[in-house]
Amino acid sequence: MTQAQTEPKLYSFDEFISWYPENSPARYELHDGVIIEIPKPRGKHSNLTGSLIEQLLITIRQMGKGGIWTIPRESIVKPKRKQSGYEPDIIVLNQEVIEAESRWESESIIQNPDSIKLIVEVVSTNRRDDYYNKLRDYEEMSIKEYWILDYAALGARKFIGNPKQPTLFVCTLVDEEYQMNPFIENTPIISPTFPQFNLSAQQIFALAM
């Protein structure tokens, strides 16, 4: 006799927030009502994320935005889809407008795209989420800039070429749609939000070593 598979319980965003365990060693996201466990970054992923945060903070200070643009340790972005919620690898927030976020102080939830200067996702085994679901949802939210860091060349060939090679995409909002600008090897990163950011793609990927 074949045993019927149990359908996963579907959660609303508010149910997910109420469920989220405090001080958990893992991270969690809500994808179309399904809670997904995302392990804490380890090894190269962790090195890259931490080092890039340092470089972004240096650039923020150089731009005279220190204390105004900040990078929180944790936050959850609530897209327009009612049953989804994401915890970006890196998010740069604008403290000048964050008071308009009704759930930030109590729950670290971001809903207003004006609060967000940049979101960065470092590609790992969840590559489809970064290239498809999050790209779609961040675009729909009108988040002006989104970086996809594919340092291990895990993305589909239609994105990163054949043979595959490590690629950094700067996705910028143009006429309500993301334009994906790829950067490889020694190509300097061009960012509308961080015009003084002067590292190349290869230099950024080296941060993972």
N, C-alpha and C. Protein backbone atom coordinates (compact mmCIF):
# COMPACT_ATOMS: atom_id res chain seq x y z
N MET A 1 0.85 -1.19 0.00
CA MET A 1 0.00 0.00 0.00
C MET A 1 0.89 1.24 0.00
N THR A 2 0.57 2.16 -0.86
CA THR A 2 1.34 3.39 -0.95
C THR A 2 0.83 4.41 0.07
N GLN A 3 1.75 4.94 0.85
CA GLN A 3 1.38 5.92 1.86
C GLN A 3 1.28 7.30 1.23
N ALA A 4 0.15 7.94 1.48
CA ALA A 4 -0.06 9.28 0.93
C ALA A 4 0.90 10.27 1.59
N GLN A 5 1.46 11.15 0.78
CA GLN A 5 2.37 12.17 1.31
C GLN A 5 1.56 13.29 1.95
N THR A 6 2.02 13.72 3.11
CA THR A 6 1.33 14.80 3.82
C THR A 6 1.74 16.14 3.23
N GLU A 7 0.76 16.94 2.89
CA GLU A 7 1.06 18.27 2.37
C GLU A 7 1.63 19.14 3.49
N PRO A 8 2.65 19.95 3.19
CA PRO A 8 3.21 20.80 4.24
C PRO A 8 2.19 21.84 4.69
N LYS A 9 2.25 22.16 5.97
CA LYS A 9 1.37 23.21 6.49
C LYS A 9 1.76 24.54 5.88
N LEU A 10 0.77 25.30 5.47
CA LEU A 10 1.01 26.62 4.90
C LEU A 10 0.77 27.69 5.96
N TYR A 11 1.70 28.63 6.02
CA TYR A 11 1.66 29.69 7.03
C TYR A 11 1.41 31.04 6.36
N SER A 12 0.69 31.90 7.04
CA SER A 12 0.65 33.31 6.64
C SER A 12 1.93 33.96 7.13
N PHE A 13 2.20 35.17 6.66
CA PHE A 13 3.40 35.87 7.10
C PHE A 13 3.38 36.08 8.61
N ASP A 14 2.25 36.52 9.15
CA ASP A 14 2.16 36.77 10.59
C ASP A 14 2.31 35.49 11.39
N GLU A 15 1.78 34.38 10.90
CA GLU A 15 1.97 33.10 11.58
C GLU A 15 3.44 32.71 11.58
N PHE A 16 4.12 32.96 10.48
CA PHE A 16 5.55 32.67 10.38
C PHE A 16 6.34 33.49 11.40
N ILE A 17 6.02 34.76 11.52
CA ILE A 17 6.73 35.62 12.48
C ILE A 17 6.48 35.14 13.91
N SER A 18 5.25 34.75 14.21
CA SER A 18 4.93 34.25 15.56
C SER A 18 5.64 32.93 15.84
N TRP A 19 5.79 32.11 14.79
CA TRP A 19 6.44 30.81 14.94
C TRP A 19 7.95 30.92 15.09
N TYR A 20 8.57 31.93 14.48
CA TYR A 20 10.03 32.00 14.34
C TYR A 20 10.69 31.87 15.70
N PRO A 21 11.54 30.84 15.89
CA PRO A 21 12.17 30.63 17.21
C PRO A 21 13.28 31.66 17.47
N GLU A 22 13.30 32.15 18.69
CA GLU A 22 14.36 33.09 19.08
C GLU A 22 15.66 32.35 19.32
N ASN A 23 16.77 33.03 19.03
CA ASN A 23 18.12 32.49 19.27
C ASN A 23 18.35 31.16 18.56
N SER A 24 17.77 31.02 17.38
CA SER A 24 17.93 29.79 16.62
C SER A 24 19.29 29.75 15.94
N PRO A 25 19.96 28.58 15.89
CA PRO A 25 21.23 28.48 15.16
C PRO A 25 21.02 28.51 13.65
N ALA A 26 19.79 28.35 13.20
CA ALA A 26 19.47 28.38 11.77
C ALA A 26 18.65 29.61 11.45
N ARG A 27 18.61 29.95 10.18
CA ARG A 27 17.76 31.04 9.69
C ARG A 27 16.57 30.40 8.98
N TYR A 28 15.48 31.15 8.93
CA TYR A 28 14.28 30.64 8.28
C TYR A 28 13.68 31.72 7.38
N GLU A 29 13.09 31.25 6.27
CA GLU A 29 12.35 32.14 5.38
C GLU A 29 11.01 31.50 5.07
N LEU A 30 10.09 32.31 4.62
CA LEU A 30 8.77 31.84 4.23
C LEU A 30 8.64 31.97 2.73
N HIS A 31 8.44 30.84 2.05
CA HIS A 31 8.34 30.82 0.59
C HIS A 31 6.97 30.31 0.19
N ASP A 32 6.10 31.23 -0.24
CA ASP A 32 4.75 30.86 -0.65
C ASP A 32 4.06 29.99 0.39
N GLY A 33 4.18 30.38 1.65
CA GLY A 33 3.48 29.71 2.74
C GLY A 33 4.25 28.59 3.39
N VAL A 34 5.37 28.16 2.82
CA VAL A 34 6.16 27.05 3.35
C VAL A 34 7.39 27.61 4.06
N ILE A 35 7.62 27.17 5.30
CA ILE A 35 8.80 27.60 6.05
C ILE A 35 10.02 26.81 5.58
N ILE A 36 11.06 27.53 5.18
CA ILE A 36 12.28 26.93 4.67
C ILE A 36 13.42 27.23 5.64
N GLU A 37 14.13 26.18 6.07
CA GLU A 37 15.30 26.38 6.93
C GLU A 37 16.51 26.71 6.07
N ILE A 38 17.19 27.80 6.40
CA ILE A 38 18.39 28.22 5.70
C ILE A 38 19.53 28.20 6.70
N PRO A 39 20.46 27.26 6.58
CA PRO A 39 21.55 27.16 7.56
C PRO A 39 22.35 28.47 7.63
N LYS A 40 22.87 28.74 8.80
CA LYS A 40 23.75 29.89 8.96
C LYS A 40 24.93 29.77 8.00
N PRO A 41 25.37 30.88 7.41
CA PRO A 41 26.51 30.81 6.48
C PRO A 41 27.75 30.23 7.16
N ARG A 42 28.48 29.41 6.39
CA ARG A 42 29.70 28.79 6.88
C ARG A 42 30.81 29.01 5.86
N GLY A 43 32.06 28.87 6.29
CA GLY A 43 33.19 28.85 5.38
C GLY A 43 33.27 30.05 4.46
N LYS A 44 33.42 29.77 3.15
CA LYS A 44 33.61 30.82 2.15
C LYS A 44 32.41 31.76 2.09
N HIS A 45 31.22 31.20 2.20
CA HIS A 45 30.01 32.03 2.18
C HIS A 45 30.05 33.05 3.32
N SER A 46 30.40 32.58 4.51
CA SER A 46 30.48 33.46 5.67
C SER A 46 31.59 34.50 5.51
N ASN A 47 32.76 34.07 5.01
CA ASN A 47 33.88 35.00 4.79
C ASN A 47 33.49 36.10 3.82
N LEU A 48 32.85 35.71 2.73
CA LEU A 48 32.47 36.68 1.70
C LEU A 48 31.45 37.67 2.25
N THR A 49 30.44 37.17 2.93
CA THR A 49 29.41 38.05 3.48
C THR A 49 30.00 39.04 4.48
N GLY A 50 30.79 38.54 5.42
CA GLY A 50 31.37 39.41 6.44
C GLY A 50 32.32 40.44 5.85
N SER A 51 33.17 40.02 4.91
CA SER A 51 34.13 40.94 4.30
C SER A 51 33.44 41.98 3.44
N LEU A 52 32.38 41.58 2.73
CA LEU A 52 31.66 42.54 1.89
C LEU A 52 30.94 43.57 2.75
N ILE A 53 30.42 43.15 3.89
CA ILE A 53 29.81 44.11 4.81
C ILE A 53 30.85 45.17 5.21
N GLU A 54 32.07 44.73 5.53
CA GLU A 54 33.12 45.68 5.90
C GLU A 54 33.39 46.66 4.77
N GLN A 55 33.48 46.17 3.53
CA GLN A 55 33.75 47.05 2.39
C GLN A 55 32.60 48.02 2.15
N LEU A 56 31.39 47.56 2.31
CA LEU A 56 30.23 48.44 2.13
C LEU A 56 30.21 49.52 3.21
N LEU A 57 30.53 49.16 4.44
CA LEU A 57 30.55 50.15 5.52
C LEU A 57 31.63 51.20 5.28
N ILE A 58 32.79 50.77 4.76
CA ILE A 58 33.84 51.74 4.41
C ILE A 58 33.33 52.72 3.35
N THR A 59 32.66 52.18 2.32
CA THR A 59 32.13 53.03 1.26
C THR A 59 31.04 53.96 1.79
N ILE A 60 30.21 53.47 2.67
CA ILE A 60 29.16 54.30 3.26
C ILE A 60 29.77 55.49 3.99
N ARG A 61 30.84 55.25 4.75
CA ARG A 61 31.51 56.35 5.45
C ARG A 61 32.14 57.32 4.45
N GLN A 62 32.76 56.80 3.40
CA GLN A 62 33.35 57.67 2.38
C GLN A 62 32.32 58.55 1.71
N MET A 63 31.10 58.06 1.59
CA MET A 63 30.01 58.82 0.97
C MET A 63 29.36 59.80 1.94
N GLY A 64 29.82 59.81 3.19
CA GLY A 64 29.23 60.70 4.18
C GLY A 64 27.88 60.22 4.69
N LYS A 65 27.63 58.92 4.57
CA LYS A 65 26.35 58.36 4.99
C LYS A 65 26.48 57.53 6.27
N GLY A 66 27.63 57.58 6.92
CA GLY A 66 27.82 56.82 8.14
C GLY A 66 26.79 57.18 9.19
N GLY A 67 26.17 56.18 9.79
CA GLY A 67 25.13 56.42 10.78
C GLY A 67 23.77 56.68 10.17
N ILE A 68 23.74 56.94 8.87
CA ILE A 68 22.46 57.16 8.17
C ILE A 68 22.06 55.90 7.42
N TRP A 69 23.02 55.35 6.67
CA TRP A 69 22.82 54.04 6.04
C TRP A 69 23.49 53.00 6.93
N THR A 70 22.75 52.01 7.35
CA THR A 70 23.27 51.01 8.28
C THR A 70 22.98 49.60 7.76
N ILE A 71 23.75 48.65 8.29
CA ILE A 71 23.58 47.24 7.92
C ILE A 71 23.23 46.47 9.19
N PRO A 72 21.97 46.11 9.38
CA PRO A 72 21.59 45.40 10.60
C PRO A 72 22.07 43.96 10.57
N ARG A 73 22.18 43.38 11.74
CA ARG A 73 22.60 41.98 11.84
C ARG A 73 21.52 41.06 11.28
N GLU A 74 20.27 41.37 11.59
CA GLU A 74 19.16 40.55 11.13
C GLU A 74 17.98 41.43 10.74
N SER A 75 17.25 40.99 9.74
CA SER A 75 16.00 41.66 9.37
C SER A 75 15.22 40.73 8.46
N ILE A 76 13.94 40.93 8.37
CA ILE A 76 13.08 40.14 7.50
C ILE A 76 12.35 41.09 6.56
N VAL A 77 12.49 40.84 5.27
CA VAL A 77 11.82 41.66 4.25
C VAL A 77 10.49 41.01 3.90
N LYS A 78 9.44 41.78 3.97
CA LYS A 78 8.11 41.28 3.63
C LYS A 78 7.74 41.78 2.23
N PRO A 79 7.79 40.90 1.22
CA PRO A 79 7.38 41.32 -0.13
C PRO A 79 5.86 41.44 -0.23
N LYS A 80 5.38 41.79 -1.40
CA LYS A 80 3.94 41.97 -1.58
C LYS A 80 3.18 40.65 -1.50
N ARG A 81 3.86 39.55 -1.81
CA ARG A 81 3.20 38.25 -1.66
C ARG A 81 2.89 38.01 -0.18
N LYS A 82 1.66 37.67 0.12
CA LYS A 82 1.20 37.61 1.51
C LYS A 82 1.81 36.45 2.28
N GLN A 83 2.32 35.44 1.60
CA GLN A 83 2.83 34.26 2.29
C GLN A 83 4.32 34.05 2.06
N SER A 84 5.06 35.15 1.97
CA SER A 84 6.51 35.05 1.80
C SER A 84 7.21 36.06 2.71
N GLY A 85 8.42 35.72 3.11
CA GLY A 85 9.25 36.61 3.90
C GLY A 85 10.69 36.16 3.81
N TYR A 86 11.61 37.10 3.54
CA TYR A 86 13.01 36.75 3.28
C TYR A 86 13.94 37.43 4.27
N GLU A 87 15.05 36.74 4.59
CA GLU A 87 16.10 37.31 5.42
C GLU A 87 17.36 37.43 4.57
N PRO A 88 17.63 38.60 4.00
CA PRO A 88 18.76 38.75 3.08
C PRO A 88 20.09 38.51 3.76
N ASP A 89 21.08 38.10 2.94
CA ASP A 89 22.44 37.97 3.47
C ASP A 89 22.96 39.32 3.93
N ILE A 90 22.71 40.36 3.14
CA ILE A 90 23.11 41.72 3.50
C ILE A 90 21.97 42.66 3.09
N ILE A 91 21.64 43.60 3.95
CA ILE A 91 20.67 44.63 3.59
C ILE A 91 21.17 45.96 4.14
N VAL A 92 21.15 46.99 3.31
CA VAL A 92 21.54 48.33 3.71
C VAL A 92 20.27 49.15 3.88
N LEU A 93 20.07 49.69 5.08
CA LEU A 93 18.85 50.41 5.41
C LEU A 93 19.12 51.91 5.55
N ASN A 94 18.12 52.68 5.21
CA ASN A 94 18.18 54.14 5.32
C ASN A 94 17.48 54.56 6.61
N GLN A 95 18.27 54.97 7.60
CA GLN A 95 17.70 55.33 8.90
C GLN A 95 16.84 56.59 8.84
N GLU A 96 16.97 57.37 7.78
CA GLU A 96 16.19 58.60 7.67
C GLU A 96 14.70 58.34 7.47
N VAL A 97 14.37 57.17 6.95
CA VAL A 97 12.95 56.87 6.68
C VAL A 97 12.45 55.64 7.41
N ILE A 98 13.31 55.00 8.18
CA ILE A 98 12.91 53.72 8.77
C ILE A 98 11.86 53.89 9.86
N GLU A 99 11.67 55.10 10.36
CA GLU A 99 10.64 55.32 11.37
C GLU A 99 9.24 55.04 10.81
N ALA A 100 9.12 55.07 9.49
CA ALA A 100 7.82 54.77 8.87
C ALA A 100 7.51 53.28 8.89
N GLU A 101 8.49 52.45 9.24
CA GLU A 101 8.28 51.02 9.31
C GLU A 101 7.60 50.66 10.64
N SER A 102 6.35 50.31 10.58
CA SER A 102 5.57 50.09 11.81
C SER A 102 6.02 48.86 12.59
N ARG A 103 6.72 47.92 11.92
CA ARG A 103 7.07 46.67 12.59
C ARG A 103 8.59 46.51 12.77
N TRP A 104 9.34 47.56 12.50
CA TRP A 104 10.79 47.44 12.60
C TRP A 104 11.26 47.35 14.04
N GLU A 105 10.83 48.24 14.89
CA GLU A 105 11.33 48.28 16.26
C GLU A 105 11.00 47.01 17.02
N SER A 106 9.81 46.47 16.82
CA SER A 106 9.38 45.32 17.61
C SER A 106 9.70 43.98 16.97
N GLU A 107 9.81 43.94 15.61
CA GLU A 107 9.94 42.65 14.94
C GLU A 107 11.02 42.61 13.85
N SER A 108 11.75 43.70 13.63
CA SER A 108 12.81 43.77 12.60
C SER A 108 12.28 43.45 11.20
N ILE A 109 11.05 43.89 10.92
CA ILE A 109 10.41 43.63 9.63
C ILE A 109 10.46 44.89 8.77
N ILE A 110 10.86 44.71 7.51
CA ILE A 110 10.93 45.80 6.54
C ILE A 110 9.88 45.57 5.46
N GLN A 111 9.03 46.57 5.22
CA GLN A 111 7.99 46.45 4.21
C GLN A 111 8.06 47.55 3.15
N ASN A 112 8.70 48.67 3.49
CA ASN A 112 8.72 49.85 2.63
C ASN A 112 10.01 49.86 1.79
N PRO A 113 9.92 49.83 0.47
CA PRO A 113 11.14 49.83 -0.36
C PRO A 113 12.02 51.06 -0.16
N ASP A 114 11.45 52.17 0.27
CA ASP A 114 12.24 53.37 0.50
C ASP A 114 13.21 53.19 1.67
N SER A 115 12.94 52.22 2.54
CA SER A 115 13.84 51.95 3.66
C SER A 115 15.11 51.24 3.21
N ILE A 116 15.08 50.66 2.01
CA ILE A 116 16.15 49.77 1.55
C ILE A 116 16.99 50.45 0.47
N LYS A 117 18.28 50.57 0.72
CA LYS A 117 19.20 51.09 -0.29
C LYS A 117 19.77 49.96 -1.15
N LEU A 118 19.97 48.79 -0.56
CA LEU A 118 20.58 47.68 -1.28
C LEU A 118 20.27 46.37 -0.57
N ILE A 119 20.01 45.33 -1.36
CA ILE A 119 19.95 43.96 -0.85
C ILE A 119 20.98 43.14 -1.59
N VAL A 120 21.70 42.29 -0.85
CA VAL A 120 22.70 41.39 -1.43
C VAL A 120 22.35 39.96 -1.03
N GLU A 121 22.31 39.06 -2.01
CA GLU A 121 22.16 37.64 -1.74
C GLU A 121 23.38 36.91 -2.29
N VAL A 122 24.00 36.08 -1.45
CA VAL A 122 25.15 35.27 -1.85
C VAL A 122 24.62 33.89 -2.22
N VAL A 123 24.86 33.49 -3.46
CA VAL A 123 24.25 32.27 -3.99
C VAL A 123 24.89 31.03 -3.37
N SER A 124 24.02 30.12 -2.93
CA SER A 124 24.49 28.80 -2.45
C SER A 124 23.53 27.76 -3.02
N THR A 125 23.16 26.78 -2.25
CA THR A 125 22.28 25.73 -2.78
C THR A 125 20.88 26.25 -3.09
N ASN A 126 20.55 27.44 -2.61
CA ASN A 126 19.24 28.04 -2.87
C ASN A 126 19.27 28.93 -4.10
N ARG A 127 20.09 28.57 -5.09
CA ARG A 127 20.32 29.45 -6.24
C ARG A 127 19.04 29.83 -6.97
N ARG A 128 18.07 28.93 -7.05
CA ARG A 128 16.83 29.25 -7.75
C ARG A 128 16.06 30.36 -7.03
N ASP A 129 16.15 30.38 -5.72
CA ASP A 129 15.49 31.45 -4.97
C ASP A 129 16.10 32.80 -5.31
N ASP A 130 17.43 32.87 -5.34
CA ASP A 130 18.11 34.14 -5.59
C ASP A 130 17.88 34.65 -7.01
N TYR A 131 17.93 33.74 -7.98
CA TYR A 131 17.82 34.13 -9.39
C TYR A 131 16.38 34.29 -9.87
N TYR A 132 15.44 33.66 -9.19
CA TYR A 132 14.06 33.69 -9.67
C TYR A 132 13.11 34.33 -8.65
N ASN A 133 12.85 33.63 -7.54
CA ASN A 133 11.83 34.11 -6.60
C ASN A 133 12.15 35.47 -6.00
N LYS A 134 13.37 35.61 -5.48
CA LYS A 134 13.72 36.87 -4.83
C LYS A 134 13.89 37.99 -5.86
N LEU A 135 14.45 37.66 -7.00
CA LEU A 135 14.55 38.65 -8.07
C LEU A 135 13.17 39.19 -8.41
N ARG A 136 12.21 38.29 -8.58
CA ARG A 136 10.83 38.68 -8.90
C ARG A 136 10.21 39.52 -7.79
N ASP A 137 10.37 39.07 -6.54
CA ASP A 137 9.70 39.75 -5.44
C ASP A 137 10.35 41.08 -5.09
N TYR A 138 11.68 41.16 -5.15
CA TYR A 138 12.34 42.44 -4.89
C TYR A 138 12.01 43.44 -5.99
N GLU A 139 11.91 42.96 -7.21
CA GLU A 139 11.50 43.82 -8.33
C GLU A 139 10.08 44.33 -8.12
N GLU A 140 9.19 43.44 -7.71
CA GLU A 140 7.79 43.83 -7.50
C GLU A 140 7.66 44.83 -6.36
N MET A 141 8.55 44.74 -5.36
CA MET A 141 8.55 45.70 -4.26
C MET A 141 9.12 47.05 -4.67
N SER A 142 9.80 47.10 -5.82
CA SER A 142 10.49 48.32 -6.29
C SER A 142 11.72 48.65 -5.45
N ILE A 143 12.44 47.60 -5.02
CA ILE A 143 13.73 47.81 -4.38
C ILE A 143 14.73 48.19 -5.47
N LYS A 144 15.37 49.33 -5.31
CA LYS A 144 16.10 49.95 -6.42
C LYS A 144 17.36 49.18 -6.83
N GLU A 145 17.99 48.47 -5.91
CA GLU A 145 19.23 47.77 -6.28
C GLU A 145 19.35 46.46 -5.52
N TYR A 146 19.69 45.41 -6.27
CA TYR A 146 19.81 44.05 -5.73
C TYR A 146 21.02 43.39 -6.36
N TRP A 147 21.93 42.90 -5.52
CA TRP A 147 23.12 42.21 -6.02
C TRP A 147 22.97 40.71 -5.82
N ILE A 148 23.36 39.94 -6.83
CA ILE A 148 23.43 38.49 -6.74
C ILE A 148 24.89 38.11 -6.87
N LEU A 149 25.49 37.55 -5.80
CA LEU A 149 26.91 37.18 -5.81
C LEU A 149 27.02 35.67 -5.99
N ASP A 150 27.35 35.27 -7.19
CA ASP A 150 27.46 33.84 -7.50
C ASP A 150 28.94 33.48 -7.58
N TYR A 151 29.61 33.47 -6.41
CA TYR A 151 31.07 33.26 -6.37
C TYR A 151 31.46 31.84 -6.74
N ALA A 152 30.53 30.87 -6.54
CA ALA A 152 30.83 29.48 -6.84
C ALA A 152 30.29 29.04 -8.20
N ALA A 153 29.76 29.98 -8.97
CA ALA A 153 29.23 29.70 -10.32
C ALA A 153 28.19 28.58 -10.28
N LEU A 154 27.17 28.77 -9.44
CA LEU A 154 26.12 27.77 -9.28
C LEU A 154 24.88 28.04 -10.13
N GLY A 155 24.79 29.24 -10.68
CA GLY A 155 23.61 29.62 -11.43
C GLY A 155 23.50 28.91 -12.76
N ALA A 156 22.33 29.05 -13.40
CA ALA A 156 22.10 28.43 -14.70
C ALA A 156 22.99 29.07 -15.77
N ARG A 157 23.31 28.29 -16.80
CA ARG A 157 24.19 28.78 -17.86
C ARG A 157 23.59 29.99 -18.59
N LYS A 158 22.28 30.07 -18.62
CA LYS A 158 21.67 31.22 -19.30
C LYS A 158 21.96 32.53 -18.57
N PHE A 159 22.37 32.43 -17.29
CA PHE A 159 22.75 33.62 -16.54
C PHE A 159 24.26 33.85 -16.57
N ILE A 160 25.04 32.79 -16.31
CA ILE A 160 26.48 32.98 -16.09
C ILE A 160 27.35 32.38 -17.18
N GLY A 161 26.74 31.97 -18.30
CA GLY A 161 27.51 31.55 -19.45
C GLY A 161 27.92 30.09 -19.43
N ASN A 162 28.52 29.67 -20.53
CA ASN A 162 29.00 28.30 -20.71
C ASN A 162 30.38 28.35 -21.35
N PRO A 163 31.45 27.95 -20.66
CA PRO A 163 31.43 27.37 -19.32
C PRO A 163 31.06 28.39 -18.23
N LYS A 164 30.54 27.87 -17.16
CA LYS A 164 30.12 28.74 -16.07
C LYS A 164 31.33 29.43 -15.45
N GLN A 165 31.12 30.67 -15.00
CA GLN A 165 32.18 31.38 -14.29
C GLN A 165 31.57 32.26 -13.21
N PRO A 166 32.31 32.48 -12.13
CA PRO A 166 31.79 33.32 -11.05
C PRO A 166 31.34 34.68 -11.59
N THR A 167 30.17 35.10 -11.17
CA THR A 167 29.57 36.33 -11.70
C THR A 167 28.87 37.08 -10.59
N LEU A 168 28.99 38.40 -10.64
CA LEU A 168 28.24 39.27 -9.75
C LEU A 168 27.27 40.08 -10.60
N PHE A 169 25.99 40.01 -10.26
CA PHE A 169 24.98 40.78 -10.97
C PHE A 169 24.55 41.97 -10.12
N VAL A 170 24.58 43.14 -10.72
CA VAL A 170 23.99 44.33 -10.12
C VAL A 170 22.66 44.55 -10.85
N CYS A 171 21.58 44.31 -10.14
CA CYS A 171 20.24 44.44 -10.71
C CYS A 171 19.68 45.80 -10.29
N THR A 172 19.44 46.64 -11.27
CA THR A 172 18.93 47.98 -10.99
C THR A 172 17.56 48.17 -11.62
N LEU A 173 16.72 48.92 -10.94
CA LEU A 173 15.34 49.10 -11.37
C LEU A 173 15.25 50.18 -12.44
N VAL A 174 14.79 49.79 -13.62
CA VAL A 174 14.60 50.71 -14.74
C VAL A 174 13.19 50.50 -15.28
N ASP A 175 12.35 51.55 -15.21
CA ASP A 175 10.96 51.43 -15.65
C ASP A 175 10.28 50.24 -15.00
N GLU A 176 10.49 50.10 -13.68
CA GLU A 176 9.84 49.08 -12.85
C GLU A 176 10.30 47.66 -13.16
N GLU A 177 11.39 47.51 -13.90
CA GLU A 177 11.94 46.18 -14.18
C GLU A 177 13.44 46.17 -13.88
N TYR A 178 13.92 45.03 -13.39
CA TYR A 178 15.34 44.90 -13.11
C TYR A 178 16.13 44.70 -14.40
N GLN A 179 17.19 45.48 -14.53
CA GLN A 179 18.20 45.25 -15.56
C GLN A 179 19.37 44.55 -14.88
N MET A 180 19.67 43.32 -15.33
CA MET A 180 20.74 42.53 -14.70
C MET A 180 22.06 42.80 -15.40
N ASN A 181 22.96 43.48 -14.70
CA ASN A 181 24.26 43.83 -15.26
C ASN A 181 25.32 42.90 -14.68
N PRO A 182 25.90 42.01 -15.52
CA PRO A 182 26.87 41.04 -15.00
C PRO A 182 28.29 41.61 -14.94
N PHE A 183 29.03 41.21 -13.90
CA PHE A 183 30.43 41.60 -13.75
C PHE A 183 31.24 40.35 -13.45
N ILE A 184 32.35 40.19 -14.18
CA ILE A 184 33.21 39.03 -14.02
C ILE A 184 34.67 39.48 -13.94
N GLU A 185 35.50 38.60 -13.42
CA GLU A 185 36.95 38.78 -13.39
C GLU A 185 37.35 40.18 -12.90
N ASN A 186 38.14 40.92 -13.67
CA ASN A 186 38.67 42.20 -13.20
C ASN A 186 37.79 43.39 -13.55
N THR A 187 36.55 43.13 -13.96
CA THR A 187 35.65 44.22 -14.30
C THR A 187 35.23 44.97 -13.04
N PRO A 188 35.47 46.28 -12.95
CA PRO A 188 35.05 47.03 -11.76
C PRO A 188 33.53 47.05 -11.64
N ILE A 189 33.06 46.94 -10.41
CA ILE A 189 31.63 46.97 -10.15
C ILE A 189 31.11 48.39 -10.34
N ILE A 190 30.00 48.53 -11.06
CA ILE A 190 29.34 49.82 -11.24
C ILE A 190 28.00 49.75 -10.51
N SER A 191 27.88 50.56 -9.47
CA SER A 191 26.68 50.56 -8.64
C SER A 191 26.11 51.96 -8.55
N PRO A 192 24.86 52.17 -8.98
CA PRO A 192 24.25 53.50 -8.85
C PRO A 192 24.15 53.95 -7.39
N THR A 193 23.92 53.02 -6.48
CA THR A 193 23.77 53.37 -5.07
C THR A 193 25.11 53.65 -4.42
N PHE A 194 26.17 52.93 -4.86
CA PHE A 194 27.50 53.07 -4.27
C PHE A 194 28.51 53.42 -5.36
N PRO A 195 28.46 54.64 -5.89
CA PRO A 195 29.36 55.01 -6.99
C PRO A 195 30.83 55.00 -6.58
N GLN A 196 31.13 55.06 -5.28
CA GLN A 196 32.51 55.06 -4.83
C GLN A 196 33.02 53.65 -4.52
N PHE A 197 32.19 52.66 -4.69
CA PHE A 197 32.62 51.28 -4.47
C PHE A 197 33.57 50.89 -5.59
N ASN A 198 34.83 50.60 -5.27
CA ASN A 198 35.86 50.51 -6.32
C ASN A 198 36.49 49.13 -6.44
N LEU A 199 35.82 48.08 -5.97
CA LEU A 199 36.36 46.74 -6.12
C LEU A 199 35.88 46.10 -7.42
N SER A 200 36.71 45.21 -7.97
CA SER A 200 36.29 44.44 -9.14
C SER A 200 35.56 43.19 -8.67
N ALA A 201 34.93 42.50 -9.63
CA ALA A 201 34.25 41.25 -9.30
C ALA A 201 35.24 40.24 -8.70
N GLN A 202 36.42 40.14 -9.31
CA GLN A 202 37.42 39.18 -8.83
C GLN A 202 37.88 39.52 -7.42
N GLN A 203 38.05 40.80 -7.11
CA GLN A 203 38.44 41.20 -5.77
C GLN A 203 37.37 40.84 -4.75
N ILE A 204 36.12 40.98 -5.12
CA ILE A 204 35.03 40.64 -4.22
C ILE A 204 35.01 39.13 -3.98
N PHE A 205 35.13 38.35 -5.05
CA PHE A 205 35.10 36.90 -4.88
C PHE A 205 36.30 36.42 -4.05
N ALA A 206 37.41 37.13 -4.12
CA ALA A 206 38.59 36.76 -3.33
C ALA A 206 38.34 36.92 -1.84
N LEU A 207 37.34 37.72 -1.48
CA LEU A 207 37.00 37.89 -0.07
C LEU A 207 36.51 36.59 0.56
N ALA A 208 36.07 35.65 -0.29
CA ALA A 208 35.57 34.38 0.23
C ALA A 208 36.70 33.43 0.61
N MET A 209 37.92 33.74 0.20
CA MET A 209 39.03 32.81 0.43
C MET A 209 39.55 32.86 1.88
